[in-house]
Amino acid sequence: MNEASNRLSCGAVLARKTDAGWLTLMLRAYHNWDFPKGFCEAGESPIDAAVREVGEETSITDLEFEWGERFMDTGPYNRGKIARYYLARTNQESVEMGIAPELGRPEHHEYRWISFDEAFDLSAPRVRLVVQWARQIIGT
């Protein structure tokens, strides 16, 4: 595994269709809102890492890559880390934030199912680009 892949964090923008329109799941760690994601492990494909991380962080396992396996990478942040996001549809509304073994508690402090407009408003500029990308694909 090369140095760049050690810094690849993979996750998914989850989209859930409701009577009120499309909602997406965002997680808050301290004051930062983001989509579920985490590091790609040795020998793991980025999309498999995204599926695993979503499951670990949210307990959501119902993922359909309805729009294909396209993804968006963010520019480097936080000591050269790159985040890769896939777009997945889910019908699973319940969320249970998993315990991070190294922390002994969930990695995130809060979660919210929100509209893509609300996600844009809550996000840092790096994540806003991902929100726009996902919104464009879904057509919200």
C-alpha atoms as a PDB file:
ATOM      1  CA  MET A   1       0.000   0.000   0.000  1.00  0.00           C
ATOM      2  CA  ASN A   2       1.455   3.387  -0.905  1.00  0.00           C
ATOM      3  CA  GLU A   3       1.538   6.491   1.269  1.00  0.00           C
ATOM      4  CA  ALA A   4      -1.427   8.104  -0.521  1.00  0.00           C
ATOM      5  CA  SER A   5      -3.723   5.146   0.148  1.00  0.00           C
ATOM      6  CA  ASN A   6      -2.821   5.343   3.851  1.00  0.00           C
ATOM      7  CA  ARG A   7      -4.464   8.754   3.884  1.00  0.00           C
ATOM      8  CA  LEU A   8      -7.634   7.765   1.971  1.00  0.00           C
ATOM      9  CA  SER A   9     -10.791   8.039   4.031  1.00  0.00           C
ATOM     10  CA  CYS A  10     -13.828   6.429   2.381  1.00  0.00           C
ATOM     11  CA  GLY A  11     -17.486   6.987   3.101  1.00  0.00           C
ATOM     12  CA  ALA A  12     -20.912   7.560   1.671  1.00  0.00           C
ATOM     13  CA  VAL A  13     -23.480  10.248   1.240  1.00  0.00           C
ATOM     14  CA  LEU A  14     -26.653   8.426   2.235  1.00  0.00           C
ATOM     15  CA  ALA A  15     -29.875   9.427   0.512  1.00  0.00           C
ATOM     16  CA  ARG A  16     -33.267   8.389   1.902  1.00  0.00           C
ATOM     17  CA  LYS A  17     -36.496   9.202   0.053  1.00  0.00           C
ATOM     18  CA  THR A  18     -39.294  10.437   2.325  1.00  0.00           C
ATOM     19  CA  ASP A  19     -42.686  12.092   1.823  1.00  0.00           C
ATOM     20  CA  ALA A  20     -40.892  15.388   2.506  1.00  0.00           C
ATOM     21  CA  GLY A  21     -38.261  14.699  -0.185  1.00  0.00           C
ATOM     22  CA  TRP A  22     -34.715  13.384  -0.055  1.00  0.00           C
ATOM     23  CA  LEU A  23     -32.885  13.395   3.277  1.00  0.00           C
ATOM     24  CA  THR A  24     -29.236  12.705   3.967  1.00  0.00           C
ATOM     25  CA  LEU A  25     -27.500  11.555   7.136  1.00  0.00           C
ATOM     26  CA  MET A  26     -24.858  13.745   8.694  1.00  0.00           C
ATOM     27  CA  LEU A  27     -22.744  13.034  11.760  1.00  0.00           C
ATOM     28  CA  ARG A  28     -21.265  15.617  14.110  1.00  0.00           C
ATOM     29  CA  ALA A  29     -17.865  15.240  15.783  1.00  0.00           C
ATOM     30  CA  TYR A  30     -17.291  18.286  17.993  1.00  0.00           C
ATOM     31  CA  HIS A  31     -18.426  21.187  15.775  1.00  0.00           C
ATOM     32  CA  ASN A  32     -17.804  19.461  12.421  1.00  0.00           C
ATOM     33  CA  TRP A  33     -20.620  17.891  10.414  1.00  0.00           C
ATOM     34  CA  ASP A  34     -19.681  15.284   7.815  1.00  0.00           C
ATOM     35  CA  PHE A  35     -20.878  12.089   6.194  1.00  0.00           C
ATOM     36  CA  PRO A  36     -19.908   8.693   7.648  1.00  0.00           C
ATOM     37  CA  LYS A  37     -16.379   7.787   6.570  1.00  0.00           C
ATOM     38  CA  GLY A  38     -13.119   6.255   7.724  1.00  0.00           C
ATOM     39  CA  PHE A  39      -9.764   4.947   6.594  1.00  0.00           C
ATOM     40  CA  CYS A  40      -9.437   2.299   3.931  1.00  0.00           C
ATOM     41  CA  GLU A  41      -7.710  -0.762   5.426  1.00  0.00           C
ATOM     42  CA  ALA A  42      -4.931  -2.750   3.753  1.00  0.00           C
ATOM     43  CA  GLY A  43      -6.290  -4.937   0.961  1.00  0.00           C
ATOM     44  CA  GLU A  44      -9.724  -3.306   1.094  1.00  0.00           C
ATOM     45  CA  SER A  45     -11.260  -1.583  -1.919  1.00  0.00           C
ATOM     46  CA  PRO A  46     -12.414   2.004  -1.341  1.00  0.00           C
ATOM     47  CA  ILE A  47     -16.091   1.114  -1.878  1.00  0.00           C
ATOM     48  CA  ASP A  48     -15.838  -1.812   0.557  1.00  0.00           C
ATOM     49  CA  ALA A  49     -14.236   0.535   3.091  1.00  0.00           C
ATOM     50  CA  ALA A  50     -17.117   2.982   2.603  1.00  0.00           C
ATOM     51  CA  VAL A  51     -19.728   0.254   3.196  1.00  0.00           C
ATOM     52  CA  ARG A  52     -17.866  -1.006   6.283  1.00  0.00           C
ATOM     53  CA  GLU A  53     -17.435   2.474   7.755  1.00  0.00           C
ATOM     54  CA  VAL A  54     -21.103   3.384   7.230  1.00  0.00           C
ATOM     55  CA  GLY A  55     -22.073   0.161   9.028  1.00  0.00           C
ATOM     56  CA  GLU A  56     -19.634   0.721  11.901  1.00  0.00           C
ATOM     57  CA  GLU A  57     -20.532   4.373  12.444  1.00  0.00           C
ATOM     58  CA  THR A  58     -24.315   4.246  11.884  1.00  0.00           C
ATOM     59  CA  SER A  59     -25.438   0.553  11.898  1.00  0.00           C
ATOM     60  CA  ILE A  60     -26.895   1.164   8.417  1.00  0.00           C
ATOM     61  CA  THR A  61     -26.299  -1.868   6.218  1.00  0.00           C
ATOM     62  CA  ASP A  62     -29.079  -1.311   3.659  1.00  0.00           C
ATOM     63  CA  LEU A  63     -27.061   0.452   0.949  1.00  0.00           C
ATOM     64  CA  GLU A  64     -27.857   0.502  -2.761  1.00  0.00           C
ATOM     65  CA  PHE A  65     -25.480   2.183  -5.187  1.00  0.00           C
ATOM     66  CA  GLU A  66     -28.437   3.183  -7.343  1.00  0.00           C
ATOM     67  CA  TRP A  67     -26.452   5.849  -9.194  1.00  0.00           C
ATOM     68  CA  GLY A  68     -23.484   3.548  -9.876  1.00  0.00           C
ATOM     69  CA  GLU A  69     -20.129   3.474  -8.136  1.00  0.00           C
ATOM     70  CA  ARG A  70     -19.166   7.032  -9.012  1.00  0.00           C
ATOM     71  CA  PHE A  71     -17.461   8.987  -6.270  1.00  0.00           C
ATOM     72  CA  MET A  72     -16.102  12.387  -5.371  1.00  0.00           C
ATOM     73  CA  ASP A  73     -12.740  12.994  -3.718  1.00  0.00           C
ATOM     74  CA  THR A  74     -12.096  16.073  -1.633  1.00  0.00           C
ATOM     75  CA  GLY A  75      -8.825  17.939  -1.800  1.00  0.00           C
ATOM     76  CA  PRO A  76      -6.249  17.165   0.886  1.00  0.00           C
ATOM     77  CA  TYR A  77      -7.117  18.282   4.432  1.00  0.00           C
ATOM     78  CA  ASN A  78      -6.030  17.396   7.970  1.00  0.00           C
ATOM     79  CA  ARG A  79      -2.371  16.441   7.313  1.00  0.00           C
ATOM     80  CA  GLY A  80      -2.901  15.331   3.721  1.00  0.00           C
ATOM     81  CA  LYS A  81      -5.964  13.132   4.188  1.00  0.00           C
ATOM     82  CA  ILE A  82      -8.281  12.772   1.178  1.00  0.00           C
ATOM     83  CA  ALA A  83     -11.938  11.847   1.642  1.00  0.00           C
ATOM     84  CA  ARG A  84     -13.711   9.794  -1.023  1.00  0.00           C
ATOM     85  CA  TYR A  85     -17.488   9.748  -0.945  1.00  0.00           C
ATOM     86  CA  TYR A  86     -19.838   7.423  -2.796  1.00  0.00           C
ATOM     87  CA  LEU A  87     -23.565   8.061  -3.146  1.00  0.00           C
ATOM     88  CA  ALA A  88     -25.834   5.355  -1.732  1.00  0.00           C
ATOM     89  CA  ARG A  89     -29.562   5.060  -1.318  1.00  0.00           C
ATOM     90  CA  THR A  90     -30.944   3.563   1.865  1.00  0.00           C
ATOM     91  CA  ASN A  91     -34.399   2.893   3.253  1.00  0.00           C
ATOM     92  CA  GLN A  92     -33.059   2.352   6.773  1.00  0.00           C
ATOM     93  CA  GLU A  93     -34.023   5.247   9.030  1.00  0.00           C
ATOM     94  CA  SER A  94     -32.777   3.949  12.381  1.00  0.00           C
ATOM     95  CA  VAL A  95     -29.227   4.883  13.324  1.00  0.00           C
ATOM     96  CA  GLU A  96     -27.118   3.437  16.097  1.00  0.00           C
ATOM     97  CA  MET A  97     -23.713   5.036  16.439  1.00  0.00           C
ATOM     98  CA  GLY A  98     -21.142   2.306  17.003  1.00  0.00           C
ATOM     99  CA  ILE A  99     -18.523   2.385  19.746  1.00  0.00           C
ATOM    100  CA  ALA A 100     -15.063   3.215  18.385  1.00  0.00           C
ATOM    101  CA  PRO A 101     -12.716   0.651  20.031  1.00  0.00           C
ATOM    102  CA  GLU A 102      -9.869   3.165  20.386  1.00  0.00           C
ATOM    103  CA  LEU A 103     -12.174   5.692  22.109  1.00  0.00           C
ATOM    104  CA  GLY A 104     -14.519   3.431  24.089  1.00  0.00           C
ATOM    105  CA  ARG A 105     -17.426   5.623  22.915  1.00  0.00           C
ATOM    106  CA  PRO A 106     -19.009   6.626  19.605  1.00  0.00           C
ATOM    107  CA  GLU A 107     -16.723   8.686  17.383  1.00  0.00           C
ATOM    108  CA  HIS A 108     -19.552  11.173  16.778  1.00  0.00           C
ATOM    109  CA  HIS A 109     -21.659  13.212  19.177  1.00  0.00           C
ATOM    110  CA  GLU A 110     -24.873  13.539  17.175  1.00  0.00           C
ATOM    111  CA  TYR A 111     -26.550  12.501  13.942  1.00  0.00           C
ATOM    112  CA  ARG A 112     -29.329  14.056  11.890  1.00  0.00           C
ATOM    113  CA  TRP A 113     -31.386  13.092   8.859  1.00  0.00           C
ATOM    114  CA  ILE A 114     -31.693  16.443   7.078  1.00  0.00           C
ATOM    115  CA  SER A 115     -32.428  17.946   3.685  1.00  0.00           C
ATOM    116  CA  PHE A 116     -29.530  18.542   1.308  1.00  0.00           C
ATOM    117  CA  ASP A 117     -30.063  22.299   1.777  1.00  0.00           C
ATOM    118  CA  GLU A 118     -29.650  21.905   5.540  1.00  0.00           C
ATOM    119  CA  ALA A 119     -26.593  19.682   4.963  1.00  0.00           C
ATOM    120  CA  PHE A 120     -25.056  22.424   2.829  1.00  0.00           C
ATOM    121  CA  ASP A 121     -25.694  25.016   5.546  1.00  0.00           C
ATOM    122  CA  LEU A 122     -24.161  22.851   8.311  1.00  0.00           C
ATOM    123  CA  SER A 123     -21.090  21.810   6.344  1.00  0.00           C
ATOM    124  CA  ALA A 124     -17.588  23.155   6.047  1.00  0.00           C
ATOM    125  CA  PRO A 125     -16.543  24.224   2.519  1.00  0.00           C
ATOM    126  CA  ARG A 126     -14.817  20.866   1.833  1.00  0.00           C
ATOM    127  CA  VAL A 127     -18.057  18.982   2.561  1.00  0.00           C
ATOM    128  CA  ARG A 128     -20.306  21.532   0.801  1.00  0.00           C
ATOM    129  CA  LEU A 129     -18.764  20.518  -2.536  1.00  0.00           C
ATOM    130  CA  VAL A 130     -19.778  16.922  -1.806  1.00  0.00           C
ATOM    131  CA  VAL A 131     -23.315  17.993  -0.868  1.00  0.00           C
ATOM    132  CA  GLN A 132     -23.620  19.878  -4.172  1.00  0.00           C
ATOM    133  CA  TRP A 133     -22.256  16.902  -6.123  1.00  0.00           C
ATOM    134  CA  ALA A 134     -24.737  14.468  -4.507  1.00  0.00           C
ATOM    135  CA  ARG A 135     -27.667  16.863  -4.896  1.00  0.00           C
ATOM    136  CA  GLN A 136     -26.894  17.232  -8.604  1.00  0.00           C
ATOM    137  CA  ILE A 137     -26.843  13.465  -9.163  1.00  0.00           C
ATOM    138  CA  ILE A 138     -30.071  12.844  -7.241  1.00  0.00           C
ATOM    139  CA  GLY A 139     -31.759  15.855  -8.771  1.00  0.00           C
ATOM    140  CA  THR A 140     -32.965  17.555  -5.593  1.00  0.00           C
END
